[in-house]
Amino acid sequence: MNPEKEKALREAGQRNPFWVCFIVFLLLAGDYGYRMANLVQQRTQLDQAQLMQTQNMGALAQARQLEGRLEALSLDLLQIAKTNAAAKQIVQDFNIQWTPSQAASSPAPETPPAAGNQKK
């Protein structure tokens, strides 16, 4: 072999690995930064979802209350429709029907509570 080539090979074998380690470190730091940014973004999304869930709880409670009122009103209207032509027409126009659900523990009352308070 040529003495110059041997000298170049020895120098290449004795080079400092600083730059290789530095590049690997930079790549790992970039990867860590990317992952950290994703985690921060996910945390922000979770915080927003929790806030939205808290805000929607009030609307959900209001919807449940309205559902109960509407069901009671519909049952009253169905009871009145048995004897009143105008109520019967409303029931037919809006196709109001009552089918007992599994959630209902007791059957519908024979006379609605509001009807008992009315005087004829």
PDB file of N, CA and C in Angstrom:
ATOM      1  N   MET A   1       0.816  -1.186   0.000  1.00  0.00           N
ATOM      2  CA  MET A   1       0.000   0.000   0.000  1.00  0.00           C
ATOM      3  C   MET A   1       0.862   1.252   0.000  1.00  0.00           C
ATOM      4  N   ASN A   2       0.227   2.271  -0.435  1.00  0.00           N
ATOM      5  CA  ASN A   2       0.876   3.566  -0.482  1.00  0.00           C
ATOM      6  C   ASN A   2       0.954   4.142   0.933  1.00  0.00           C
ATOM      7  N   PRO A   3       2.113   4.693   1.330  1.00  0.00           N
ATOM      8  CA  PRO A   3       2.244   5.225   2.684  1.00  0.00           C
ATOM      9  C   PRO A   3       1.276   6.393   2.954  1.00  0.00           C
ATOM     10  N   GLU A   4       0.945   7.153   1.933  1.00  0.00           N
ATOM     11  CA  GLU A   4       0.019   8.269   2.135  1.00  0.00           C
ATOM     12  C   GLU A   4      -1.393   7.750   2.420  1.00  0.00           C
ATOM     13  N   LYS A   5      -1.772   6.677   1.720  1.00  0.00           N
ATOM     14  CA  LYS A   5      -3.102   6.100   1.964  1.00  0.00           C
ATOM     15  C   LYS A   5      -3.184   5.508   3.359  1.00  0.00           C
ATOM     16  N   GLU A   6      -2.101   4.850   3.810  1.00  0.00           N
ATOM     17  CA  GLU A   6      -2.087   4.283   5.150  1.00  0.00           C
ATOM     18  C   GLU A   6      -2.204   5.374   6.206  1.00  0.00           C
ATOM     19  N   LYS A   7      -1.503   6.482   5.966  1.00  0.00           N
ATOM     20  CA  LYS A   7      -1.566   7.589   6.904  1.00  0.00           C
ATOM     21  C   LYS A   7      -2.981   8.172   6.946  1.00  0.00           C
ATOM     22  N   ALA A   8      -3.626   8.285   5.798  1.00  0.00           N
ATOM     23  CA  ALA A   8      -4.997   8.824   5.731  1.00  0.00           C
ATOM     24  C   ALA A   8      -5.977   7.873   6.426  1.00  0.00           C
ATOM     25  N   LEU A   9      -5.779   6.571   6.258  1.00  0.00           N
ATOM     26  CA  LEU A   9      -6.642   5.601   6.915  1.00  0.00           C
ATOM     27  C   LEU A   9      -6.476   5.652   8.432  1.00  0.00           C
ATOM     28  N   ARG A  10      -5.239   5.817   8.921  1.00  0.00           N
ATOM     29  CA  ARG A  10      -5.010   5.917  10.358  1.00  0.00           C
ATOM     30  C   ARG A  10      -5.657   7.176  10.931  1.00  0.00           C
ATOM     31  N   GLU A  11      -5.539   8.280  10.198  1.00  0.00           N
ATOM     32  CA  GLU A  11      -6.154   9.521  10.665  1.00  0.00           C
ATOM     33  C   GLU A  11      -7.676   9.393  10.691  1.00  0.00           C
ATOM     34  N   ALA A  12      -8.231   8.733   9.686  1.00  0.00           N
ATOM     35  CA  ALA A  12      -9.686   8.543   9.643  1.00  0.00           C
ATOM     36  C   ALA A  12     -10.130   7.662  10.808  1.00  0.00           C
ATOM     37  N   GLY A  13      -9.356   6.684  11.172  1.00  0.00           N
ATOM     38  CA  GLY A  13      -9.686   5.804  12.292  1.00  0.00           C
ATOM     39  C   GLY A  13      -9.529   6.490  13.633  1.00  0.00           C
ATOM     40  N   GLN A  14      -8.715   7.537  13.711  1.00  0.00           N
ATOM     41  CA  GLN A  14      -8.482   8.226  14.967  1.00  0.00           C
ATOM     42  C   GLN A  14      -9.296   9.519  15.085  1.00  0.00           C
ATOM     43  N   ARG A  15     -10.238   9.761  14.193  1.00  0.00           N
ATOM     44  CA  ARG A  15     -11.037  10.982  14.251  1.00  0.00           C
ATOM     45  C   ARG A  15     -11.891  11.006  15.503  1.00  0.00           C
ATOM     46  N   ASN A  16     -12.206  12.192  15.934  1.00  0.00           N
ATOM     47  CA  ASN A  16     -13.015  12.420  17.116  1.00  0.00           C
ATOM     48  C   ASN A  16     -14.491  12.141  16.773  1.00  0.00           C
ATOM     49  N   PRO A  17     -15.194  11.342  17.567  1.00  0.00           N
ATOM     50  CA  PRO A  17     -16.595  11.027  17.277  1.00  0.00           C
ATOM     51  C   PRO A  17     -17.564  12.125  17.765  1.00  0.00           C
ATOM     52  N   PHE A  18     -17.039  13.308  18.066  1.00  0.00           N
ATOM     53  CA  PHE A  18     -17.882  14.388  18.586  1.00  0.00           C
ATOM     54  C   PHE A  18     -19.034  14.723  17.644  1.00  0.00           C
ATOM     55  N   TRP A  19     -18.721  14.877  16.360  1.00  0.00           N
ATOM     56  CA  TRP A  19     -19.765  15.317  15.422  1.00  0.00           C
ATOM     57  C   TRP A  19     -20.840  14.246  15.229  1.00  0.00           C
ATOM     58  N   VAL A  20     -20.465  13.004  15.251  1.00  0.00           N
ATOM     59  CA  VAL A  20     -21.436  11.920  15.126  1.00  0.00           C
ATOM     60  C   VAL A  20     -22.359  11.930  16.347  1.00  0.00           C
ATOM     61  N   CYS A  21     -21.779  12.035  17.517  1.00  0.00           N
ATOM     62  CA  CYS A  21     -22.586  12.075  18.740  1.00  0.00           C
ATOM     63  C   CYS A  21     -23.451  13.326  18.781  1.00  0.00           C
ATOM     64  N   PHE A  22     -22.910  14.447  18.312  1.00  0.00           N
ATOM     65  CA  PHE A  22     -23.658  15.696  18.299  1.00  0.00           C
ATOM     66  C   PHE A  22     -24.875  15.597  17.372  1.00  0.00           C
ATOM     67  N   ILE A  23     -24.713  15.003  16.210  1.00  0.00           N
ATOM     68  CA  ILE A  23     -25.829  14.841  15.263  1.00  0.00           C
ATOM     69  C   ILE A  23     -26.884  13.909  15.846  1.00  0.00           C
ATOM     70  N   VAL A  24     -26.449  12.815  16.463  1.00  0.00           N
ATOM     71  CA  VAL A  24     -27.405  11.898  17.088  1.00  0.00           C
ATOM     72  C   VAL A  24     -28.160  12.617  18.206  1.00  0.00           C
ATOM     73  N   PHE A  25     -27.433  13.404  19.006  1.00  0.00           N
ATOM     74  CA  PHE A  25     -28.074  14.168  20.073  1.00  0.00           C
ATOM     75  C   PHE A  25     -29.097  15.157  19.506  1.00  0.00           C
ATOM     76  N   LEU A  26     -28.763  15.844  18.452  1.00  0.00           N
ATOM     77  CA  LEU A  26     -29.693  16.788  17.832  1.00  0.00           C
ATOM     78  C   LEU A  26     -30.943  16.086  17.310  1.00  0.00           C
ATOM     79  N   LEU A  27     -30.768  14.932  16.699  1.00  0.00           N
ATOM     80  CA  LEU A  27     -31.924  14.178  16.210  1.00  0.00           C
ATOM     81  C   LEU A  27     -32.816  13.733  17.358  1.00  0.00           C
ATOM     82  N   LEU A  28     -32.222  13.253  18.431  1.00  0.00           N
ATOM     83  CA  LEU A  28     -33.009  12.839  19.594  1.00  0.00           C
ATOM     84  C   LEU A  28     -33.711  14.036  20.239  1.00  0.00           C
ATOM     85  N   ALA A  29     -33.030  15.171  20.308  1.00  0.00           N
ATOM     86  CA  ALA A  29     -33.646  16.374  20.878  1.00  0.00           C
ATOM     87  C   ALA A  29     -34.809  16.842  20.011  1.00  0.00           C
ATOM     88  N   GLY A  30     -34.656  16.785  18.697  1.00  0.00           N
ATOM     89  CA  GLY A  30     -35.750  17.155  17.797  1.00  0.00           C
ATOM     90  C   GLY A  30     -36.947  16.231  17.960  1.00  0.00           C
ATOM     91  N   ASP A  31     -36.676  14.944  18.073  1.00  0.00           N
ATOM     92  CA  ASP A  31     -37.754  13.976  18.275  1.00  0.00           C
ATOM     93  C   ASP A  31     -38.472  14.233  19.595  1.00  0.00           C
ATOM     94  N   TYR A  32     -37.712  14.489  20.634  1.00  0.00           N
ATOM     95  CA  TYR A  32     -38.303  14.774  21.949  1.00  0.00           C
ATOM     96  C   TYR A  32     -39.155  16.049  21.894  1.00  0.00           C
ATOM     97  N   GLY A  33     -38.653  17.066  21.225  1.00  0.00           N
ATOM     98  CA  GLY A  33     -39.409  18.306  21.085  1.00  0.00           C
ATOM     99  C   GLY A  33     -40.713  18.097  20.334  1.00  0.00           C
ATOM    100  N   TYR A  34     -40.669  17.302  19.281  1.00  0.00           N
ATOM    101  CA  TYR A  34     -41.873  16.994  18.502  1.00  0.00           C
ATOM    102  C   TYR A  34     -42.891  16.243  19.363  1.00  0.00           C
ATOM    103  N   ARG A  35     -42.409  15.261  20.104  1.00  0.00           N
ATOM    104  CA  ARG A  35     -43.311  14.501  20.977  1.00  0.00           C
ATOM    105  C   ARG A  35     -43.886  15.385  22.083  1.00  0.00           C
ATOM    106  N   MET A  36     -43.074  16.272  22.629  1.00  0.00           N
ATOM    107  CA  MET A  36     -43.541  17.167  23.683  1.00  0.00           C
ATOM    108  C   MET A  36     -44.611  18.122  23.139  1.00  0.00           C
ATOM    109  N   ALA A  37     -44.422  18.611  21.932  1.00  0.00           N
ATOM    110  CA  ALA A  37     -45.423  19.500  21.325  1.00  0.00           C
ATOM    111  C   ALA A  37     -46.743  18.747  21.132  1.00  0.00           C
ATOM    112  N   ASN A  38     -46.671  17.498  20.713  1.00  0.00           N
ATOM    113  CA  ASN A  38     -47.888  16.693  20.564  1.00  0.00           C
ATOM    114  C   ASN A  38     -48.581  16.466  21.905  1.00  0.00           C
ATOM    115  N   LEU A  39     -47.805  16.212  22.949  1.00  0.00           N
ATOM    116  CA  LEU A  39     -48.389  16.011  24.275  1.00  0.00           C
ATOM    117  C   LEU A  39     -49.064  17.284  24.783  1.00  0.00           C
ATOM    118  N   VAL A  40     -48.449  18.422  24.539  1.00  0.00           N
ATOM    119  CA  VAL A  40     -49.047  19.695  24.963  1.00  0.00           C
ATOM    120  C   VAL A  40     -50.346  19.932  24.197  1.00  0.00           C
ATOM    121  N   GLN A  41     -50.341  19.613  22.912  1.00  0.00           N
ATOM    122  CA  GLN A  41     -51.550  19.780  22.101  1.00  0.00           C
ATOM    123  C   GLN A  41     -52.658  18.846  22.598  1.00  0.00           C
ATOM    124  N   GLN A  42     -52.326  17.616  22.917  1.00  0.00           N
ATOM    125  CA  GLN A  42     -53.316  16.679  23.441  1.00  0.00           C
ATOM    126  C   GLN A  42     -53.858  17.149  24.778  1.00  0.00           C
ATOM    127  N   ARG A  43     -52.997  17.687  25.613  1.00  0.00           N
ATOM    128  CA  ARG A  43     -53.436  18.178  26.915  1.00  0.00           C
ATOM    129  C   ARG A  43     -54.413  19.348  26.745  1.00  0.00           C
ATOM    130  N   THR A  44     -54.127  20.222  25.806  1.00  0.00           N
ATOM    131  CA  THR A  44     -55.020  21.349  25.525  1.00  0.00           C
ATOM    132  C   THR A  44     -56.367  20.847  25.034  1.00  0.00           C
ATOM    133  N   GLN A  45     -56.362  19.848  24.168  1.00  0.00           N
ATOM    134  CA  GLN A  45     -57.616  19.284  23.670  1.00  0.00           C
ATOM    135  C   GLN A  45     -58.410  18.628  24.800  1.00  0.00           C
ATOM    136  N   LEU A  46     -57.734  17.946  25.700  1.00  0.00           N
ATOM    137  CA  LEU A  46     -58.418  17.330  26.837  1.00  0.00           C
ATOM    138  C   LEU A  46     -59.032  18.388  27.759  1.00  0.00           C
ATOM    139  N   ASP A  47     -58.306  19.471  27.987  1.00  0.00           N
ATOM    140  CA  ASP A  47     -58.839  20.550  28.811  1.00  0.00           C
ATOM    141  C   ASP A  47     -60.071  21.176  28.161  1.00  0.00           C
ATOM    142  N   GLN A  48     -60.030  21.368  26.850  1.00  0.00           N
ATOM    143  CA  GLN A  48     -61.181  21.925  26.140  1.00  0.00           C
ATOM    144  C   GLN A  48     -62.366  20.969  26.190  1.00  0.00           C
ATOM    145  N   ALA A  49     -62.113  19.678  26.048  1.00  0.00           N
ATOM    146  CA  ALA A  49     -63.193  18.692  26.108  1.00  0.00           C
ATOM    147  C   ALA A  49     -63.824  18.662  27.496  1.00  0.00           C
ATOM    148  N   GLN A  50     -63.013  18.773  28.520  1.00  0.00           N
ATOM    149  CA  GLN A  50     -63.538  18.788  29.885  1.00  0.00           C
ATOM    150  C   GLN A  50     -64.379  20.039  30.115  1.00  0.00           C
ATOM    151  N   LEU A  51     -63.942  21.168  29.598  1.00  0.00           N
ATOM    152  CA  LEU A  51     -64.706  22.408  29.725  1.00  0.00           C
ATOM    153  C   LEU A  51     -66.036  22.306  28.987  1.00  0.00           C
ATOM    154  N   MET A  52     -66.016  21.749  27.781  1.00  0.00           N
ATOM    155  CA  MET A  52     -67.246  21.577  27.005  1.00  0.00           C
ATOM    156  C   MET A  52     -68.198  20.619  27.717  1.00  0.00           C
ATOM    157  N   GLN A  53     -67.671  19.564  28.312  1.00  0.00           N
ATOM    158  CA  GLN A  53     -68.510  18.612  29.025  1.00  0.00           C
ATOM    159  C   GLN A  53     -69.173  19.279  30.222  1.00  0.00           C
ATOM    160  N   THR A  54     -68.437  20.113  30.934  1.00  0.00           N
ATOM    161  CA  THR A  54     -68.997  20.831  32.068  1.00  0.00           C
ATOM    162  C   THR A  54     -70.087  21.794  31.616  1.00  0.00           C
ATOM    163  N   GLN A  55     -69.861  22.465  30.494  1.00  0.00           N
ATOM    164  CA  GLN A  55     -70.861  23.397  29.972  1.00  0.00           C
ATOM    165  C   GLN A  55     -72.109  22.661  29.498  1.00  0.00           C
ATOM    166  N   ASN A  56     -71.938  21.487  28.948  1.00  0.00           N
ATOM    167  CA  ASN A  56     -73.074  20.730  28.421  1.00  0.00           C
ATOM    168  C   ASN A  56     -73.900  20.066  29.514  1.00  0.00           C
ATOM    169  N   MET A  57     -73.358  19.945  30.713  1.00  0.00           N
ATOM    170  CA  MET A  57     -74.111  19.319  31.800  1.00  0.00           C
ATOM    171  C   MET A  57     -75.365  20.121  32.128  1.00  0.00           C
ATOM    172  N   GLY A  58     -75.266  21.438  32.119  1.00  0.00           N
ATOM    173  CA  GLY A  58     -76.432  22.282  32.385  1.00  0.00           C
ATOM    174  C   GLY A  58     -77.497  22.098  31.323  1.00  0.00           C
ATOM    175  N   ALA A  59     -77.083  22.065  30.076  1.00  0.00           N
ATOM    176  CA  ALA A  59     -78.037  21.872  28.984  1.00  0.00           C
ATOM    177  C   ALA A  59     -78.671  20.489  29.062  1.00  0.00           C
ATOM    178  N   LEU A  60     -77.906  19.494  29.457  1.00  0.00           N
ATOM    179  CA  LEU A  60     -78.439  18.138  29.577  1.00  0.00           C
ATOM    180  C   LEU A  60     -79.476  18.062  30.700  1.00  0.00           C
ATOM    181  N   ALA A  61     -79.209  18.710  31.812  1.00  0.00           N
ATOM    182  CA  ALA A  61     -80.164  18.712  32.920  1.00  0.00           C
ATOM    183  C   ALA A  61     -81.448  19.432  32.498  1.00  0.00           C
ATOM    184  N   GLN A  62     -81.298  20.526  31.766  1.00  0.00           N
ATOM    185  CA  GLN A  62     -82.469  21.261  31.285  1.00  0.00           C
ATOM    186  C   GLN A  62     -83.264  20.414  30.298  1.00  0.00           C
ATOM    187  N   ALA A  63     -82.578  19.682  29.425  1.00  0.00           N
ATOM    188  CA  ALA A  63     -83.270  18.830  28.457  1.00  0.00           C
ATOM    189  C   ALA A  63     -84.040  17.715  29.170  1.00  0.00           C
ATOM    190  N   ARG A  64     -83.461  17.148  30.205  1.00  0.00           N
ATOM    191  CA  ARG A  64     -84.165  16.104  30.963  1.00  0.00           C
ATOM    192  C   ARG A  64     -85.415  16.666  31.639  1.00  0.00           C
ATOM    193  N   GLN A  65     -85.289  17.875  32.177  1.00  0.00           N
ATOM    194  CA  GLN A  65     -86.433  18.510  32.822  1.00  0.00           C
ATOM    195  C   GLN A  65     -87.532  18.792  31.793  1.00  0.00           C
ATOM    196  N   LEU A  66     -87.143  19.302  30.643  1.00  0.00           N
ATOM    197  CA  LEU A  66     -88.125  19.580  29.595  1.00  0.00           C
ATOM    198  C   LEU A  66     -88.777  18.304  29.084  1.00  0.00           C
ATOM    199  N   GLU A  67     -88.008  17.235  28.996  1.00  0.00           N
ATOM    200  CA  GLU A  67     -88.564  15.966  28.549  1.00  0.00           C
ATOM    201  C   GLU A  67     -89.645  15.486  29.514  1.00  0.00           C
ATOM    202  N   GLY A  68     -89.390  15.625  30.803  1.00  0.00           N
ATOM    203  CA  GLY A  68     -90.384  15.232  31.799  1.00  0.00           C
ATOM    204  C   GLY A  68     -91.646  16.070  31.702  1.00  0.00           C
ATOM    205  N   ARG A  69     -91.469  17.374  31.515  1.00  0.00           N
ATOM    206  CA  ARG A  69     -92.630  18.252  31.366  1.00  0.00           C
ATOM    207  C   ARG A  69     -93.430  17.902  30.118  1.00  0.00           C
ATOM    208  N   LEU A  70     -92.729  17.672  29.015  1.00  0.00           N
ATOM    209  CA  LEU A  70     -93.403  17.355  27.755  1.00  0.00           C
ATOM    210  C   LEU A  70     -94.160  16.032  27.859  1.00  0.00           C
ATOM    211  N   GLU A  71     -93.554  15.055  28.514  1.00  0.00           N
ATOM    212  CA  GLU A  71     -94.228  13.772  28.677  1.00  0.00           C
ATOM    213  C   GLU A  71     -95.501  13.929  29.507  1.00  0.00           C
ATOM    214  N   ALA A  72     -95.403  14.693  30.583  1.00  0.00           N
ATOM    215  CA  ALA A  72     -96.588  14.914  31.419  1.00  0.00           C
ATOM    216  C   ALA A  72     -97.670  15.660  30.642  1.00  0.00           C
ATOM    217  N   LEU A  73     -97.265  16.658  29.876  1.00  0.00           N
ATOM    218  CA  LEU A  73     -98.221  17.416  29.070  1.00  0.00           C
ATOM    219  C   LEU A  73     -98.875  16.527  28.013  1.00  0.00           C
ATOM    220  N   SER A  74     -98.089  15.688  27.388  1.00  0.00           N
ATOM    221  CA  SER A  74     -98.630  14.783  26.358  1.00  0.00           C
ATOM    222  C   SER A  74     -99.610  13.790  26.969  1.00  0.00           C
ATOM    223  N   LEU A  75     -99.271  13.259  28.130  1.00  0.00           N
ATOM    224  CA  LEU A  75    -100.178  12.314  28.788  1.00  0.00           C
ATOM    225  C   LEU A  75    -101.492  13.000  29.175  1.00  0.00           C
ATOM    226  N   ASP A  76    -101.383  14.233  29.678  1.00  0.00           N
ATOM    227  CA  ASP A  76    -102.593  14.986  30.006  1.00  0.00           C
ATOM    228  C   ASP A  76    -103.439  15.222  28.760  1.00  0.00           C
ATOM    229  N   LEU A  77    -102.783  15.586  27.679  1.00  0.00           N
ATOM    230  CA  LEU A  77    -103.502  15.838  26.434  1.00  0.00           C
ATOM    231  C   LEU A  77    -104.177  14.569  25.920  1.00  0.00           C
ATOM    232  N   LEU A  78    -103.503  13.436  26.035  1.00  0.00           N
ATOM    233  CA  LEU A  78    -104.108  12.174  25.605  1.00  0.00           C
ATOM    234  C   LEU A  78    -105.325  11.830  26.466  1.00  0.00           C
ATOM    235  N   GLN A  79    -105.255  12.102  27.764  1.00  0.00           N
ATOM    236  CA  GLN A  79    -106.393  11.846  28.643  1.00  0.00           C
ATOM    237  C   GLN A  79    -107.569  12.753  28.283  1.00  0.00           C
ATOM    238  N   ILE A  80    -107.280  14.029  28.020  1.00  0.00           N
ATOM    239  CA  ILE A  80    -108.335  14.976  27.667  1.00  0.00           C
ATOM    240  C   ILE A  80    -108.920  14.651  26.300  1.00  0.00           C
ATOM    241  N   ALA A  81    -108.114  14.102  25.413  1.00  0.00           N
ATOM    242  CA  ALA A  81    -108.566  13.799  24.057  1.00  0.00           C
ATOM    243  C   ALA A  81    -109.642  12.725  24.036  1.00  0.00           C
ATOM    244  N   LYS A  82    -109.742  11.958  25.110  1.00  0.00           N
ATOM    245  CA  LYS A  82    -110.785  10.930  25.170  1.00  0.00           C
ATOM    246  C   LYS A  82    -112.177  11.556  25.228  1.00  0.00           C
ATOM    247  N   THR A  83    -112.270  12.777  25.775  1.00  0.00           N
ATOM    248  CA  THR A  83    -113.588  13.403  25.940  1.00  0.00           C
ATOM    249  C   THR A  83    -113.721  14.731  25.210  1.00  0.00           C
ATOM    250  N   ASN A  84    -112.621  15.323  24.736  1.00  0.00           N
ATOM    251  CA  ASN A  84    -112.670  16.647  24.125  1.00  0.00           C
ATOM    252  C   ASN A  84    -112.295  16.545  22.648  1.00  0.00           C
ATOM    253  N   ALA A  85    -113.120  17.097  21.766  1.00  0.00           N
ATOM    254  CA  ALA A  85    -112.894  17.015  20.322  1.00  0.00           C
ATOM    255  C   ALA A  85    -111.677  17.833  19.902  1.00  0.00           C
ATOM    256  N   ALA A  86    -111.494  19.007  20.494  1.00  0.00           N
ATOM    257  CA  ALA A  86    -110.353  19.854  20.126  1.00  0.00           C
ATOM    258  C   ALA A  86    -109.038  19.168  20.517  1.00  0.00           C
ATOM    259  N   ALA A  87    -109.001  18.584  21.695  1.00  0.00           N
ATOM    260  CA  ALA A  87    -107.799  17.875  22.123  1.00  0.00           C
ATOM    261  C   ALA A  87    -107.547  16.662  21.236  1.00  0.00           C
ATOM    262  N   LYS A  88    -108.620  15.994  20.832  1.00  0.00           N
ATOM    263  CA  LYS A  88    -108.491  14.835  19.946  1.00  0.00           C
ATOM    264  C   LYS A  88    -107.916  15.260  18.601  1.00  0.00           C
ATOM    265  N   GLN A  89    -108.319  16.426  18.129  1.00  0.00           N
ATOM    266  CA  GLN A  89    -107.816  16.944  16.853  1.00  0.00           C
ATOM    267  C   GLN A  89    -106.318  17.261  16.968  1.00  0.00           C
ATOM    268  N   ILE A  90    -105.923  17.836  18.082  1.00  0.00           N
ATOM    269  CA  ILE A  90    -104.500  18.142  18.293  1.00  0.00           C
ATOM    270  C   ILE A  90    -103.681  16.855  18.315  1.00  0.00           C
ATOM    271  N   VAL A  91    -104.194  15.851  19.002  1.00  0.00           N
ATOM    272  CA  VAL A  91    -103.497  14.565  19.075  1.00  0.00           C
ATOM    273  C   VAL A  91    -103.355  13.956  17.689  1.00  0.00           C
ATOM    274  N   GLN A  92    -104.389  14.058  16.876  1.00  0.00           N
ATOM    275  CA  GLN A  92    -104.346  13.502  15.521  1.00  0.00           C
ATOM    276  C   GLN A  92    -103.420  14.318  14.621  1.00  0.00           C
ATOM    277  N   ASP A  93    -103.486  15.663  14.724  1.00  0.00           N
ATOM    278  CA  ASP A  93    -102.650  16.513  13.877  1.00  0.00           C
ATOM    279  C   ASP A  93    -101.158  16.285  14.129  1.00  0.00           C
ATOM    280  N   PHE A  94    -100.802  16.160  15.387  1.00  0.00           N
ATOM    281  CA  PHE A  94     -99.386  16.000  15.728  1.00  0.00           C
ATOM    282  C   PHE A  94     -98.986  14.553  15.962  1.00  0.00           C
ATOM    283  N   ASN A  95     -99.903  13.632  15.713  1.00  0.00           N
ATOM    284  CA  ASN A  95     -99.639  12.203  15.837  1.00  0.00           C
ATOM    285  C   ASN A  95     -99.006  11.873  17.205  1.00  0.00           C
ATOM    286  N   ILE A  96     -99.624  12.361  18.252  1.00  0.00           N
ATOM    287  CA  ILE A  96     -99.124  12.124  19.612  1.00  0.00           C
ATOM    288  C   ILE A  96     -99.570  10.742  20.043  1.00  0.00           C
ATOM    289  N   GLN A  97     -98.598   9.929  20.451  1.00  0.00           N
ATOM    290  CA  GLN A  97     -98.869   8.566  20.890  1.00  0.00           C
ATOM    291  C   GLN A  97     -98.121   8.336  22.190  1.00  0.00           C
ATOM    292  N   TRP A  98     -98.635   7.430  22.996  1.00  0.00           N
ATOM    293  CA  TRP A  98     -97.939   7.076  24.224  1.00  0.00           C
ATOM    294  C   TRP A  98     -97.760   5.584  24.268  1.00  0.00           C
ATOM    295  N   THR A  99     -96.507   5.179  24.359  1.00  0.00           N
ATOM    296  CA  THR A  99     -96.187   3.769  24.541  1.00  0.00           C
ATOM    297  C   THR A  99     -95.345   3.682  25.806  1.00  0.00           C
ATOM    298  N   PRO A 100     -95.780   2.898  26.770  1.00  0.00           N
ATOM    299  CA  PRO A 100     -95.016   2.809  28.021  1.00  0.00           C
ATOM    300  C   PRO A 100     -93.620   2.272  27.757  1.00  0.00           C
ATOM    301  N   SER A 101     -92.646   2.904  28.344  1.00  0.00           N
ATOM    302  CA  SER A 101     -91.259   2.453  28.176  1.00  0.00           C
ATOM    303  C   SER A 101     -90.873   1.550  29.333  1.00  0.00           C
ATOM    304  N   GLN A 102     -89.746   0.890  29.198  1.00  0.00           N
ATOM    305  CA  GLN A 102     -89.260   0.015  30.257  1.00  0.00           C
ATOM    306  C   GLN A 102     -88.805   0.826  31.453  1.00  0.00           C
ATOM    307  N   ALA A 103     -88.452   2.093  31.222  1.00  0.00           N
ATOM    308  CA  ALA A 103     -87.984   2.949  32.308  1.00  0.00           C
ATOM    309  C   ALA A 103     -89.138   3.346  33.223  1.00  0.00           C
ATOM    310  N   ALA A 104     -90.340   3.352  32.690  1.00  0.00           N
ATOM    311  CA  ALA A 104     -91.490   3.730  33.511  1.00  0.00           C
ATOM    312  C   ALA A 104     -91.804   2.576  34.464  1.00  0.00           C
ATOM    313  N   SER A 105     -91.769   2.852  35.742  1.00  0.00           N
ATOM    314  CA  SER A 105     -91.984   1.799  36.723  1.00  0.00           C
ATOM    315  C   SER A 105     -93.462   1.604  37.029  1.00  0.00           C
ATOM    316  N   SER A 106     -94.278   2.627  36.808  1.00  0.00           N
ATOM    317  CA  SER A 106     -95.703   2.512  37.087  1.00  0.00           C
ATOM    318  C   SER A 106     -96.502   2.902  35.851  1.00  0.00           C
ATOM    319  N   PRO A 107     -97.697   2.329  35.686  1.00  0.00           N
ATOM    320  CA  PRO A 107     -98.500   2.680  34.525  1.00  0.00           C
ATOM    321  C   PRO A 107     -98.992   4.118  34.631  1.00  0.00           C
ATOM    322  N   ALA A 108     -99.476   4.636  33.504  1.00  0.00           N
ATOM    323  CA  ALA A 108     -99.960   6.012  33.457  1.00  0.00           C
ATOM    324  C   ALA A 108    -101.169   6.156  34.371  1.00  0.00           C
ATOM    325  N   PRO A 109    -101.303   7.266  35.060  1.00  0.00           N
ATOM    326  CA  PRO A 109    -102.442   7.463  35.950  1.00  0.00           C
ATOM    327  C   PRO A 109    -103.731   7.599  35.148  1.00  0.00           C
ATOM    328  N   GLU A 110    -104.810   7.156  35.751  1.00  0.00           N
ATOM    329  CA  GLU A 110    -106.111   7.224  35.082  1.00  0.00           C
ATOM    330  C   GLU A 110    -106.538   8.675  34.877  1.00  0.00           C
ATOM    331  N   THR A 111    -106.335   9.511  35.889  1.00  0.00           N
ATOM    332  CA  THR A 111    -106.674  10.921  35.763  1.00  0.00           C
ATOM    333  C   THR A 111    -105.394  11.715  35.990  1.00  0.00           C
ATOM    334  N   PRO A 112    -105.124  12.669  35.145  1.00  0.00           N
ATOM    335  CA  PRO A 112    -103.911  13.456  35.321  1.00  0.00           C
ATOM    336  C   PRO A 112    -104.017  14.304  36.592  1.00  0.00           C
ATOM    337  N   PRO A 113    -102.881  14.610  37.232  1.00  0.00           N
ATOM    338  CA  PRO A 113    -102.891  15.370  38.471  1.00  0.00           C
ATOM    339  C   PRO A 113    -103.509  16.761  38.289  1.00  0.00           C
ATOM    340  N   ALA A 114    -103.312  17.383  37.153  1.00  0.00           N
ATOM    341  CA  ALA A 114    -103.854  18.724  36.934  1.00  0.00           C
ATOM    342  C   ALA A 114    -105.374  18.686  36.805  1.00  0.00           C
ATOM    343  N   ALA A 115    -105.927  17.571  36.303  1.00  0.00           N
ATOM    344  CA  ALA A 115    -107.363  17.478  36.107  1.00  0.00           C
ATOM    345  C   ALA A 115    -108.105  17.375  37.435  1.00  0.00           C
ATOM    346  N   GLY A 116    -107.470  16.847  38.457  1.00  0.00           N
ATOM    347  CA  GLY A 116    -108.117  16.696  39.762  1.00  0.00           C
ATOM    348  C   GLY A 116    -108.338  18.040  40.453  1.00  0.00           C
ATOM    349  N   ASN A 117    -107.519  19.052  40.098  1.00  0.00           N
ATOM    350  CA  ASN A 117    -107.621  20.356  40.727  1.00  0.00           C
ATOM    351  C   ASN A 117    -108.658  21.256  40.038  1.00  0.00           C
ATOM    352  N   GLN A 118    -109.139  20.864  38.878  1.00  0.00           N
ATOM    353  CA  GLN A 118    -110.080  21.700  38.127  1.00  0.00           C
ATOM    354  C   GLN A 118    -111.493  21.467  38.642  1.00  0.00           C
ATOM    355  N   LYS A 119    -112.257  22.555  38.653  1.00  0.00           N
ATOM    356  CA  LYS A 119    -113.659  22.465  39.064  1.00  0.00           C
ATOM    357  C   LYS A 119    -114.543  22.592  37.833  1.00  0.00           C
ATOM    358  N   LYS A 120    -115.624  21.826  37.812  1.00  0.00           N
ATOM    359  CA  LYS A 120    -116.537  21.855  36.661  1.00  0.00           C
ATOM    360  C   LYS A 120    -117.714  22.716  36.942  1.00  0.00           C
TER     361      LYS A 120
END
